[in-house]
Amino acid sequence: MDEMVIRETPCVKVTFFEEHKTLLISWLRGPSTKELHATYLHALQFIEAHPDVVLFCTDQTLIGSLTREQETWLMQEYYPKVYHILQDDVYAAVVFSESHFNAIVMNYQANAIAPGQHFIQFNYFTVLSEAMHWLKGINKGQSAELL
């Protein structure tokens, strides 16, 4: 599979998989807010240059959850910018460690969907290969629609 590393720091590795048009953000350690913003804005520049990329995977198995401030920034500022560029549905797989995933499920409270986030289809996993398989299936489905 053709892959291109578009950002790599001690904190994160961002890889684009050409064959399936998937952007993978793998967090290696918990990011500062500055590092998180820099990484996602770098990804946004990549998306601007490649507007056919609508499949995303974030691997948080090594870091657990982001801070509430970081999550709020993603929901209120970043995702609307992605939609403004793509004007299309986006599919996002998020990978957590088994223990973090279980903690999320145990503490789940139904929240209203954030306004303006209707274009993002999230799915959650505990194994990266399963997340990537889900995204590959979406890519194949989209390719079949074009035929």
C-alpha atoms as a PDB file:
ATOM      1  CA  MET A   1       0.000   0.000   0.000  1.00  0.00           C
ATOM      2  CA  ASP A   2       1.377   3.394  -0.948  1.00  0.00           C
ATOM      3  CA  GLU A   3       1.740   5.492   2.150  1.00  0.00           C
ATOM      4  CA  MET A   4       3.120   8.963   2.661  1.00  0.00           C
ATOM      5  CA  VAL A   5       4.117  10.425   6.031  1.00  0.00           C
ATOM      6  CA  ILE A   6       2.932  14.025   6.019  1.00  0.00           C
ATOM      7  CA  ARG A   7       3.919  14.957   9.589  1.00  0.00           C
ATOM      8  CA  GLU A   8       6.112  13.266  12.156  1.00  0.00           C
ATOM      9  CA  THR A   9       7.143  14.542  15.578  1.00  0.00           C
ATOM     10  CA  PRO A  10       7.979  12.758  18.845  1.00  0.00           C
ATOM     11  CA  CYS A  11       4.284  13.207  19.689  1.00  0.00           C
ATOM     12  CA  VAL A  12       2.486  12.189  16.496  1.00  0.00           C
ATOM     13  CA  LYS A  13       2.765  10.536  13.104  1.00  0.00           C
ATOM     14  CA  VAL A  14       0.336  11.490  10.331  1.00  0.00           C
ATOM     15  CA  THR A  15       0.230   9.123   7.368  1.00  0.00           C
ATOM     16  CA  PHE A  16      -1.762   9.222   4.138  1.00  0.00           C
ATOM     17  CA  PHE A  17      -2.652   5.884   2.531  1.00  0.00           C
ATOM     18  CA  GLU A  18      -3.072   6.635  -1.171  1.00  0.00           C
ATOM     19  CA  GLU A  19      -4.770   3.381  -2.182  1.00  0.00           C
ATOM     20  CA  HIS A  20      -7.703   3.879   0.183  1.00  0.00           C
ATOM     21  CA  LYS A  21      -7.521   7.685   0.450  1.00  0.00           C
ATOM     22  CA  THR A  22      -7.275   7.474   4.234  1.00  0.00           C
ATOM     23  CA  LEU A  23      -5.502   9.881   6.573  1.00  0.00           C
ATOM     24  CA  LEU A  24      -4.221   8.277   9.806  1.00  0.00           C
ATOM     25  CA  ILE A  25      -3.226  10.348  12.844  1.00  0.00           C
ATOM     26  CA  SER A  26      -1.324   8.175  15.339  1.00  0.00           C
ATOM     27  CA  TRP A  27      -0.723   9.873  18.678  1.00  0.00           C
ATOM     28  CA  LEU A  28       2.476   8.608  20.303  1.00  0.00           C
ATOM     29  CA  ARG A  29       2.101  10.651  23.489  1.00  0.00           C
ATOM     30  CA  GLY A  30      -0.465  13.073  24.854  1.00  0.00           C
ATOM     31  CA  PRO A  31      -0.314  16.289  22.835  1.00  0.00           C
ATOM     32  CA  SER A  32      -0.200  19.781  24.231  1.00  0.00           C
ATOM     33  CA  THR A  33      -2.958  21.971  22.863  1.00  0.00           C
ATOM     34  CA  LYS A  34      -0.347  23.685  20.675  1.00  0.00           C
ATOM     35  CA  GLU A  35       0.824  20.327  19.230  1.00  0.00           C
ATOM     36  CA  LEU A  36      -2.754  19.166  18.669  1.00  0.00           C
ATOM     37  CA  HIS A  37      -3.647  22.376  16.815  1.00  0.00           C
ATOM     38  CA  ALA A  38      -0.457  22.238  14.723  1.00  0.00           C
ATOM     39  CA  THR A  39      -1.091  18.601  13.773  1.00  0.00           C
ATOM     40  CA  TYR A  40      -4.720  19.055  12.811  1.00  0.00           C
ATOM     41  CA  LEU A  41      -4.042  22.291  10.930  1.00  0.00           C
ATOM     42  CA  HIS A  42      -1.264  20.494   9.020  1.00  0.00           C
ATOM     43  CA  ALA A  43      -3.800  17.780   8.169  1.00  0.00           C
ATOM     44  CA  LEU A  44      -6.240  20.487   7.078  1.00  0.00           C
ATOM     45  CA  GLN A  45      -3.675  21.860   4.618  1.00  0.00           C
ATOM     46  CA  PHE A  46      -3.275  18.341   3.240  1.00  0.00           C
ATOM     47  CA  ILE A  47      -7.050  18.009   2.880  1.00  0.00           C
ATOM     48  CA  GLU A  48      -7.191  21.320   1.000  1.00  0.00           C
ATOM     49  CA  ALA A  49      -4.687  19.926  -1.504  1.00  0.00           C
ATOM     50  CA  HIS A  50      -6.476  16.524  -1.657  1.00  0.00           C
ATOM     51  CA  PRO A  51     -10.228  17.239  -1.363  1.00  0.00           C
ATOM     52  CA  ASP A  52     -11.120  13.643  -2.284  1.00  0.00           C
ATOM     53  CA  VAL A  53      -9.873  12.485   1.153  1.00  0.00           C
ATOM     54  CA  VAL A  54     -12.934  11.845   3.331  1.00  0.00           C
ATOM     55  CA  LEU A  55     -11.680   8.855   5.355  1.00  0.00           C
ATOM     56  CA  PHE A  56      -9.875   9.531   8.621  1.00  0.00           C
ATOM     57  CA  CYS A  57      -8.517   7.439  11.453  1.00  0.00           C
ATOM     58  CA  THR A  58      -7.201   8.689  14.778  1.00  0.00           C
ATOM     59  CA  ASP A  59      -5.245   6.197  16.884  1.00  0.00           C
ATOM     60  CA  GLN A  60      -5.353   7.212  20.546  1.00  0.00           C
ATOM     61  CA  THR A  61      -4.387   3.835  22.026  1.00  0.00           C
ATOM     62  CA  LEU A  62      -1.170   5.225  23.522  1.00  0.00           C
ATOM     63  CA  ILE A  63      -2.645   8.440  24.944  1.00  0.00           C
ATOM     64  CA  GLY A  64      -6.212   7.836  26.130  1.00  0.00           C
ATOM     65  CA  SER A  65      -8.617  10.702  25.711  1.00  0.00           C
ATOM     66  CA  LEU A  66      -7.926  14.268  24.701  1.00  0.00           C
ATOM     67  CA  THR A  67      -8.688  17.079  27.120  1.00  0.00           C
ATOM     68  CA  ARG A  68     -12.154  18.609  27.145  1.00  0.00           C
ATOM     69  CA  GLU A  69     -10.633  21.822  25.718  1.00  0.00           C
ATOM     70  CA  GLN A  70      -9.030  19.886  22.851  1.00  0.00           C
ATOM     71  CA  GLU A  71     -12.260  17.993  22.084  1.00  0.00           C
ATOM     72  CA  THR A  72     -14.206  21.276  22.120  1.00  0.00           C
ATOM     73  CA  TRP A  73     -11.752  22.866  19.684  1.00  0.00           C
ATOM     74  CA  LEU A  74     -12.098  19.904  17.320  1.00  0.00           C
ATOM     75  CA  MET A  75     -15.906  19.975  17.440  1.00  0.00           C
ATOM     76  CA  GLN A  76     -16.462  23.718  17.315  1.00  0.00           C
ATOM     77  CA  GLU A  77     -13.586  24.947  15.172  1.00  0.00           C
ATOM     78  CA  TYR A  78     -11.777  22.171  13.319  1.00  0.00           C
ATOM     79  CA  TYR A  79     -14.585  19.942  12.008  1.00  0.00           C
ATOM     80  CA  PRO A  80     -16.523  22.898  10.544  1.00  0.00           C
ATOM     81  CA  LYS A  81     -13.346  23.890   8.657  1.00  0.00           C
ATOM     82  CA  VAL A  82     -13.067  20.357   7.259  1.00  0.00           C
ATOM     83  CA  TYR A  83     -16.675  20.511   6.086  1.00  0.00           C
ATOM     84  CA  HIS A  84     -16.154  23.963   4.569  1.00  0.00           C
ATOM     85  CA  ILE A  85     -13.346  22.498   2.423  1.00  0.00           C
ATOM     86  CA  LEU A  86     -14.875  19.132   1.520  1.00  0.00           C
ATOM     87  CA  GLN A  87     -18.615  19.895   1.419  1.00  0.00           C
ATOM     88  CA  ASP A  88     -19.142  16.137   1.745  1.00  0.00           C
ATOM     89  CA  ASP A  89     -19.714  13.418   4.324  1.00  0.00           C
ATOM     90  CA  VAL A  90     -16.638  12.392   6.310  1.00  0.00           C
ATOM     91  CA  TYR A  91     -15.953   9.008   7.923  1.00  0.00           C
ATOM     92  CA  ALA A  92     -13.804   8.947  11.042  1.00  0.00           C
ATOM     93  CA  ALA A  93     -12.569   5.889  12.917  1.00  0.00           C
ATOM     94  CA  VAL A  94     -11.230   6.458  16.421  1.00  0.00           C
ATOM     95  CA  VAL A  95      -9.106   3.765  18.065  1.00  0.00           C
ATOM     96  CA  PHE A  96      -8.839   3.569  21.858  1.00  0.00           C
ATOM     97  CA  SER A  97      -7.129   1.090  24.168  1.00  0.00           C
ATOM     98  CA  GLU A  98      -9.430  -1.635  25.479  1.00  0.00           C
ATOM     99  CA  SER A  99      -9.453  -0.139  28.993  1.00  0.00           C
ATOM    100  CA  HIS A 100     -10.171   3.380  27.724  1.00  0.00           C
ATOM    101  CA  PHE A 101     -12.938   2.087  25.439  1.00  0.00           C
ATOM    102  CA  ASN A 102     -14.510   0.196  28.374  1.00  0.00           C
ATOM    103  CA  ALA A 103     -14.330   3.320  30.560  1.00  0.00           C
ATOM    104  CA  ILE A 104     -16.109   5.311  27.853  1.00  0.00           C
ATOM    105  CA  VAL A 105     -18.850   2.693  27.568  1.00  0.00           C
ATOM    106  CA  MET A 106     -19.275   2.485  31.360  1.00  0.00           C
ATOM    107  CA  ASN A 107     -19.531   6.289  31.674  1.00  0.00           C
ATOM    108  CA  TYR A 108     -21.598   6.827  28.517  1.00  0.00           C
ATOM    109  CA  GLN A 109     -24.232   9.518  28.721  1.00  0.00           C
ATOM    110  CA  ALA A 110     -26.375  10.254  25.708  1.00  0.00           C
ATOM    111  CA  ASN A 111     -25.533  13.744  24.510  1.00  0.00           C
ATOM    112  CA  ALA A 112     -27.210  15.685  21.754  1.00  0.00           C
ATOM    113  CA  ILE A 113     -25.195  15.671  18.543  1.00  0.00           C
ATOM    114  CA  ALA A 114     -23.183  18.840  18.311  1.00  0.00           C
ATOM    115  CA  PRO A 115     -24.789  21.253  15.857  1.00  0.00           C
ATOM    116  CA  GLY A 116     -23.129  21.217  12.462  1.00  0.00           C
ATOM    117  CA  GLN A 117     -21.476  17.815  12.922  1.00  0.00           C
ATOM    118  CA  HIS A 118     -24.101  15.867  10.950  1.00  0.00           C
ATOM    119  CA  PHE A 119     -21.599  15.266   8.137  1.00  0.00           C
ATOM    120  CA  ILE A 120     -19.194  13.185  10.265  1.00  0.00           C
ATOM    121  CA  GLN A 121     -19.846   9.481  10.716  1.00  0.00           C
ATOM    122  CA  PHE A 122     -17.782   8.342  13.729  1.00  0.00           C
ATOM    123  CA  ASN A 123     -17.045   4.720  14.572  1.00  0.00           C
ATOM    124  CA  TYR A 124     -15.003   3.527  17.546  1.00  0.00           C
ATOM    125  CA  PHE A 125     -12.570   0.615  17.754  1.00  0.00           C
ATOM    126  CA  THR A 126     -10.010  -1.016  20.040  1.00  0.00           C
ATOM    127  CA  VAL A 127      -7.900  -2.472  17.204  1.00  0.00           C
ATOM    128  CA  LEU A 128      -6.315  -0.284  14.505  1.00  0.00           C
ATOM    129  CA  SER A 129      -6.549  -2.967  11.797  1.00  0.00           C
ATOM    130  CA  GLU A 130     -10.323  -3.233  12.356  1.00  0.00           C
ATOM    131  CA  ALA A 131     -10.698   0.542  12.063  1.00  0.00           C
ATOM    132  CA  MET A 132      -8.719   0.595   8.829  1.00  0.00           C
ATOM    133  CA  HIS A 133     -10.753  -2.358   7.501  1.00  0.00           C
ATOM    134  CA  TRP A 134     -13.981  -0.417   8.162  1.00  0.00           C
ATOM    135  CA  LEU A 135     -12.611   2.596   6.273  1.00  0.00           C
ATOM    136  CA  LYS A 136     -11.422   0.416   3.368  1.00  0.00           C
ATOM    137  CA  GLY A 137     -14.946  -0.977   3.111  1.00  0.00           C
ATOM    138  CA  ILE A 138     -16.370   2.526   2.889  1.00  0.00           C
ATOM    139  CA  ASN A 139     -13.810   3.406   0.208  1.00  0.00           C
ATOM    140  CA  LYS A 140     -14.763   0.317  -1.820  1.00  0.00           C
ATOM    141  CA  GLY A 141     -18.447   1.232  -1.470  1.00  0.00           C
ATOM    142  CA  GLN A 142     -17.784   4.767  -2.686  1.00  0.00           C
ATOM    143  CA  SER A 143     -15.734   3.458  -5.608  1.00  0.00           C
ATOM    144  CA  ALA A 144     -18.576   1.098  -6.583  1.00  0.00           C
ATOM    145  CA  GLU A 145     -21.055   4.024  -6.536  1.00  0.00           C
ATOM    146  CA  LEU A 146     -18.943   5.809  -9.134  1.00  0.00           C
ATOM    147  CA  LEU A 147     -19.189   2.905 -11.602  1.00  0.00           C
END
